[in-house]
Amino acid sequence: MEISIIFDTAFQGQAEGAVWIIQSDENRRWFDRQSNLDAGSAIFFPEGGEIGRDAILRSIWNLQEHYPDWSRINVYGAVLTQELVSELRDDGDAMEMENGFALVCA
């Protein structure tokens, strides 16, 4: 299962299936217009209120618990750092994408 976590506060891209998107007025409007999202999709507030390393990791790990059959997690609006690559090594292979990064199940 392919899943998306969106940290971009003004997301205008395409996403379908299971999507967790960070709270903002613009993202709320985007989310409300979607008709092809998984029932478990949600708008979320990052723990601690900031989008940093810890919030990104917690979001990925929480998503893995909710969707144990995940095959790929697309993370939009976050930069893939070497520290994230190291932390996620046991979870899968991390690779940069145009607007973020992807974690592919090992």
N, C-alpha and C. Protein backbone atom coordinates (compact mmCIF):
# COMPACT_ATOMS: atom_id res chain seq x y z
N MET A 1 0.84 -1.18 0.00
CA MET A 1 0.00 0.00 0.00
C MET A 1 0.89 1.24 0.00
N GLU A 2 0.57 2.18 -0.87
CA GLU A 2 1.30 3.44 -0.95
C GLU A 2 0.56 4.49 -0.13
N ILE A 3 1.32 5.21 0.68
CA ILE A 3 0.75 6.17 1.62
C ILE A 3 1.49 7.50 1.47
N SER A 4 0.81 8.61 1.75
CA SER A 4 1.44 9.93 1.69
C SER A 4 1.30 10.66 3.01
N ILE A 5 2.41 11.28 3.43
CA ILE A 5 2.40 12.21 4.55
C ILE A 5 2.78 13.56 3.96
N ILE A 6 1.97 14.57 4.21
CA ILE A 6 2.20 15.87 3.57
C ILE A 6 2.45 16.92 4.65
N PHE A 7 3.68 17.47 4.65
CA PHE A 7 4.06 18.52 5.58
C PHE A 7 4.00 19.90 4.94
N ASP A 8 3.72 19.96 3.66
CA ASP A 8 3.59 21.22 2.92
C ASP A 8 2.29 21.88 3.36
N THR A 9 2.36 23.10 3.90
CA THR A 9 1.16 23.76 4.43
C THR A 9 0.27 24.36 3.34
N ALA A 10 0.73 24.31 2.09
CA ALA A 10 -0.07 24.81 0.98
C ALA A 10 -0.03 23.79 -0.16
N PHE A 11 -0.36 22.55 0.16
CA PHE A 11 -0.26 21.46 -0.81
C PHE A 11 -1.30 21.63 -1.91
N GLN A 12 -0.85 21.51 -3.15
CA GLN A 12 -1.75 21.61 -4.31
C GLN A 12 -1.57 20.44 -5.26
N GLY A 13 -0.81 19.44 -4.86
CA GLY A 13 -0.50 18.32 -5.73
C GLY A 13 -1.58 17.26 -5.76
N GLN A 14 -1.20 16.15 -6.36
CA GLN A 14 -2.09 14.99 -6.47
C GLN A 14 -1.72 13.99 -5.39
N ALA A 15 -2.69 13.44 -4.75
CA ALA A 15 -2.48 12.36 -3.79
C ALA A 15 -3.79 11.58 -3.71
N GLU A 16 -3.65 10.29 -3.53
CA GLU A 16 -4.83 9.45 -3.38
C GLU A 16 -4.50 8.32 -2.44
N GLY A 17 -5.51 7.55 -2.08
CA GLY A 17 -5.29 6.47 -1.12
C GLY A 17 -5.22 7.04 0.29
N ALA A 18 -4.30 6.51 1.07
CA ALA A 18 -4.13 6.95 2.45
C ALA A 18 -3.25 8.20 2.47
N VAL A 19 -3.80 9.29 3.02
CA VAL A 19 -3.08 10.57 3.07
C VAL A 19 -3.22 11.17 4.46
N TRP A 20 -2.10 11.53 5.05
CA TRP A 20 -2.09 12.33 6.27
C TRP A 20 -1.49 13.67 5.88
N ILE A 21 -2.21 14.75 6.12
CA ILE A 21 -1.79 16.08 5.68
C ILE A 21 -1.80 17.03 6.87
N ILE A 22 -0.77 17.86 6.95
CA ILE A 22 -0.63 18.79 8.08
C ILE A 22 -1.72 19.85 8.03
N GLN A 23 -2.19 20.25 9.19
CA GLN A 23 -3.27 21.23 9.31
C GLN A 23 -2.83 22.61 8.83
N SER A 24 -3.63 23.18 7.96
CA SER A 24 -3.58 24.59 7.57
C SER A 24 -4.92 24.86 6.89
N ASP A 25 -5.29 26.11 6.79
CA ASP A 25 -6.56 26.44 6.13
C ASP A 25 -6.56 25.95 4.68
N GLU A 26 -5.45 26.15 3.99
CA GLU A 26 -5.37 25.74 2.59
C GLU A 26 -5.43 24.21 2.45
N ASN A 27 -4.76 23.51 3.35
CA ASN A 27 -4.80 22.05 3.29
C ASN A 27 -6.17 21.51 3.65
N ARG A 28 -6.87 22.18 4.55
CA ARG A 28 -8.24 21.77 4.90
C ARG A 28 -9.12 21.84 3.66
N ARG A 29 -8.99 22.93 2.90
CA ARG A 29 -9.79 23.07 1.67
C ARG A 29 -9.41 21.98 0.66
N TRP A 30 -8.10 21.70 0.51
CA TRP A 30 -7.66 20.64 -0.40
C TRP A 30 -8.25 19.30 0.03
N PHE A 31 -8.14 18.99 1.31
CA PHE A 31 -8.61 17.72 1.85
C PHE A 31 -10.11 17.55 1.63
N ASP A 32 -10.88 18.60 1.88
CA ASP A 32 -12.34 18.54 1.73
C ASP A 32 -12.77 18.33 0.28
N ARG A 33 -11.94 18.71 -0.69
CA ARG A 33 -12.27 18.55 -2.11
C ARG A 33 -11.96 17.15 -2.63
N GLN A 34 -11.24 16.35 -1.87
CA GLN A 34 -10.81 15.04 -2.35
C GLN A 34 -11.92 14.01 -2.20
N SER A 35 -12.02 13.12 -3.18
CA SER A 35 -13.04 12.08 -3.12
C SER A 35 -12.44 10.67 -3.20
N ASN A 36 -11.13 10.59 -3.37
CA ASN A 36 -10.50 9.28 -3.57
C ASN A 36 -9.51 8.93 -2.46
N LEU A 37 -9.75 9.43 -1.25
CA LEU A 37 -8.84 9.15 -0.14
C LEU A 37 -9.33 7.97 0.69
N ASP A 38 -8.40 7.25 1.25
CA ASP A 38 -8.70 6.14 2.16
C ASP A 38 -9.46 6.68 3.38
N ALA A 39 -10.33 5.86 3.93
CA ALA A 39 -11.13 6.28 5.10
C ALA A 39 -10.25 6.65 6.29
N GLY A 40 -9.03 6.13 6.36
CA GLY A 40 -8.12 6.45 7.46
C GLY A 40 -7.32 7.72 7.24
N SER A 41 -7.56 8.41 6.14
CA SER A 41 -6.85 9.66 5.86
C SER A 41 -7.24 10.72 6.88
N ALA A 42 -6.32 11.65 7.15
CA ALA A 42 -6.58 12.62 8.21
C ALA A 42 -5.76 13.88 8.03
N ILE A 43 -6.26 14.94 8.66
CA ILE A 43 -5.50 16.17 8.84
C ILE A 43 -4.90 16.08 10.24
N PHE A 44 -3.61 16.43 10.36
CA PHE A 44 -2.96 16.27 11.66
C PHE A 44 -2.17 17.51 12.04
N PHE A 45 -1.92 17.63 13.33
CA PHE A 45 -1.04 18.65 13.89
C PHE A 45 0.25 17.95 14.29
N PRO A 46 1.41 18.45 13.88
CA PRO A 46 2.65 17.77 14.27
C PRO A 46 2.87 17.86 15.78
N GLU A 47 3.34 16.76 16.34
CA GLU A 47 3.63 16.75 17.77
C GLU A 47 4.70 17.79 18.05
N GLY A 48 4.50 18.58 19.08
CA GLY A 48 5.45 19.63 19.41
C GLY A 48 5.22 20.90 18.61
N GLY A 49 4.32 20.85 17.63
CA GLY A 49 3.96 22.04 16.87
C GLY A 49 4.91 22.43 15.76
N GLU A 50 6.04 21.74 15.63
CA GLU A 50 7.01 22.11 14.61
C GLU A 50 7.29 20.93 13.68
N ILE A 51 7.69 21.25 12.46
CA ILE A 51 8.02 20.22 11.49
C ILE A 51 9.54 20.05 11.48
N GLY A 52 10.00 19.19 12.32
CA GLY A 52 11.43 18.90 12.39
C GLY A 52 11.65 17.41 12.32
N ARG A 53 12.87 17.01 12.55
CA ARG A 53 13.27 15.61 12.48
C ARG A 53 12.37 14.72 13.30
N ASP A 54 12.13 15.09 14.56
CA ASP A 54 11.33 14.25 15.45
C ASP A 54 9.89 14.12 14.97
N ALA A 55 9.30 15.23 14.52
CA ALA A 55 7.91 15.18 14.03
C ALA A 55 7.81 14.32 12.78
N ILE A 56 8.80 14.40 11.91
CA ILE A 56 8.79 13.59 10.69
C ILE A 56 8.89 12.11 11.04
N LEU A 57 9.84 11.76 11.91
CA LEU A 57 10.01 10.36 12.30
C LEU A 57 8.77 9.82 13.00
N ARG A 58 8.22 10.58 13.95
CA ARG A 58 7.02 10.11 14.67
C ARG A 58 5.86 9.90 13.71
N SER A 59 5.71 10.81 12.76
CA SER A 59 4.62 10.67 11.78
C SER A 59 4.79 9.42 10.94
N ILE A 60 6.00 9.16 10.48
CA ILE A 60 6.25 7.96 9.69
C ILE A 60 5.98 6.71 10.52
N TRP A 61 6.50 6.67 11.72
CA TRP A 61 6.32 5.48 12.56
C TRP A 61 4.86 5.29 12.97
N ASN A 62 4.14 6.38 13.25
CA ASN A 62 2.70 6.27 13.56
C ASN A 62 1.94 5.74 12.35
N LEU A 63 2.29 6.22 11.18
CA LEU A 63 1.63 5.77 9.97
C LEU A 63 1.89 4.28 9.73
N GLN A 64 3.11 3.83 10.00
CA GLN A 64 3.43 2.41 9.84
C GLN A 64 2.59 1.54 10.78
N GLU A 65 2.31 2.04 11.98
CA GLU A 65 1.45 1.30 12.91
C GLU A 65 0.02 1.21 12.39
N HIS A 66 -0.49 2.31 11.81
CA HIS A 66 -1.85 2.32 11.29
C HIS A 66 -2.00 1.50 10.01
N TYR A 67 -0.95 1.43 9.22
CA TYR A 67 -0.98 0.71 7.94
C TYR A 67 0.19 -0.28 7.89
N PRO A 68 0.09 -1.40 8.61
CA PRO A 68 1.22 -2.34 8.65
C PRO A 68 1.55 -2.97 7.29
N ASP A 69 0.64 -2.88 6.32
CA ASP A 69 0.91 -3.45 5.00
C ASP A 69 1.46 -2.41 4.02
N TRP A 70 2.03 -1.33 4.53
CA TRP A 70 2.57 -0.27 3.67
C TRP A 70 3.71 -0.82 2.82
N SER A 71 3.82 -0.30 1.61
CA SER A 71 4.94 -0.66 0.73
C SER A 71 5.80 0.56 0.40
N ARG A 72 5.17 1.73 0.44
CA ARG A 72 5.88 2.98 0.13
C ARG A 72 5.20 4.11 0.87
N ILE A 73 6.02 4.98 1.46
CA ILE A 73 5.52 6.18 2.12
C ILE A 73 6.14 7.38 1.41
N ASN A 74 5.30 8.21 0.81
CA ASN A 74 5.76 9.44 0.17
C ASN A 74 5.64 10.57 1.18
N VAL A 75 6.73 11.28 1.42
CA VAL A 75 6.75 12.37 2.39
C VAL A 75 6.98 13.66 1.61
N TYR A 76 5.96 14.51 1.57
CA TYR A 76 6.03 15.77 0.84
C TYR A 76 6.29 16.92 1.80
N GLY A 77 7.08 17.90 1.35
CA GLY A 77 7.33 19.08 2.17
C GLY A 77 8.37 18.87 3.25
N ALA A 78 9.21 17.86 3.11
CA ALA A 78 10.29 17.60 4.07
C ALA A 78 11.54 17.22 3.29
N VAL A 79 12.68 17.64 3.79
CA VAL A 79 13.95 17.36 3.14
C VAL A 79 14.54 16.09 3.73
N LEU A 80 15.03 15.22 2.88
CA LEU A 80 15.68 13.99 3.33
C LEU A 80 17.11 14.32 3.74
N THR A 81 17.38 14.19 5.03
CA THR A 81 18.72 14.42 5.55
C THR A 81 19.42 13.09 5.80
N GLN A 82 20.72 13.14 5.95
CA GLN A 82 21.47 11.92 6.25
C GLN A 82 21.03 11.34 7.59
N GLU A 83 20.67 12.21 8.52
CA GLU A 83 20.18 11.75 9.82
C GLU A 83 18.88 10.95 9.67
N LEU A 84 17.96 11.42 8.83
CA LEU A 84 16.72 10.68 8.58
C LEU A 84 17.02 9.35 7.89
N VAL A 85 17.93 9.36 6.93
CA VAL A 85 18.30 8.11 6.25
C VAL A 85 18.79 7.09 7.27
N SER A 86 19.63 7.54 8.20
CA SER A 86 20.17 6.63 9.23
C SER A 86 19.07 6.11 10.14
N GLU A 87 18.18 7.00 10.58
CA GLU A 87 17.09 6.61 11.49
C GLU A 87 16.12 5.63 10.83
N LEU A 88 15.92 5.77 9.53
CA LEU A 88 14.93 4.97 8.82
C LEU A 88 15.52 3.73 8.15
N ARG A 89 16.80 3.51 8.32
CA ARG A 89 17.50 2.41 7.64
C ARG A 89 16.82 1.07 7.86
N ASP A 90 16.38 0.79 9.08
CA ASP A 90 15.76 -0.50 9.38
C ASP A 90 14.34 -0.62 8.82
N ASP A 91 13.74 0.52 8.47
CA ASP A 91 12.37 0.53 7.95
C ASP A 91 12.30 0.34 6.44
N GLY A 92 13.34 0.77 5.75
CA GLY A 92 13.33 0.66 4.29
C GLY A 92 14.38 1.54 3.66
N ASP A 93 14.28 1.70 2.37
CA ASP A 93 15.22 2.51 1.60
C ASP A 93 14.62 3.88 1.36
N ALA A 94 15.32 4.92 1.79
CA ALA A 94 14.85 6.29 1.61
C ALA A 94 15.49 6.88 0.36
N MET A 95 14.69 7.59 -0.43
CA MET A 95 15.20 8.22 -1.64
C MET A 95 14.54 9.58 -1.84
N GLU A 96 15.31 10.52 -2.36
CA GLU A 96 14.78 11.86 -2.60
C GLU A 96 13.79 11.85 -3.74
N MET A 97 12.77 12.71 -3.61
CA MET A 97 11.81 12.98 -4.67
C MET A 97 11.82 14.48 -4.91
N GLU A 98 11.11 14.92 -5.93
CA GLU A 98 11.09 16.34 -6.28
C GLU A 98 10.64 17.22 -5.12
N ASN A 99 9.59 16.84 -4.43
CA ASN A 99 9.03 17.68 -3.37
C ASN A 99 9.15 17.04 -1.99
N GLY A 100 10.14 16.18 -1.80
CA GLY A 100 10.29 15.51 -0.52
C GLY A 100 11.11 14.25 -0.66
N PHE A 101 10.60 13.17 -0.07
CA PHE A 101 11.31 11.90 -0.19
C PHE A 101 10.33 10.74 -0.04
N ALA A 102 10.81 9.56 -0.40
CA ALA A 102 10.00 8.35 -0.28
C ALA A 102 10.76 7.33 0.55
N LEU A 103 10.00 6.55 1.30
CA LEU A 103 10.55 5.42 2.04
C LEU A 103 9.90 4.18 1.46
N VAL A 104 10.73 3.29 0.91
CA VAL A 104 10.24 2.07 0.27
C VAL A 104 10.56 0.91 1.19
N CYS A 105 9.54 0.11 1.49
CA CYS A 105 9.68 -1.01 2.41
C CYS A 105 10.77 -1.96 1.93
N ALA A 106 11.65 -2.33 2.86
CA ALA A 106 12.77 -3.23 2.51
C ALA A 106 12.30 -4.65 2.36
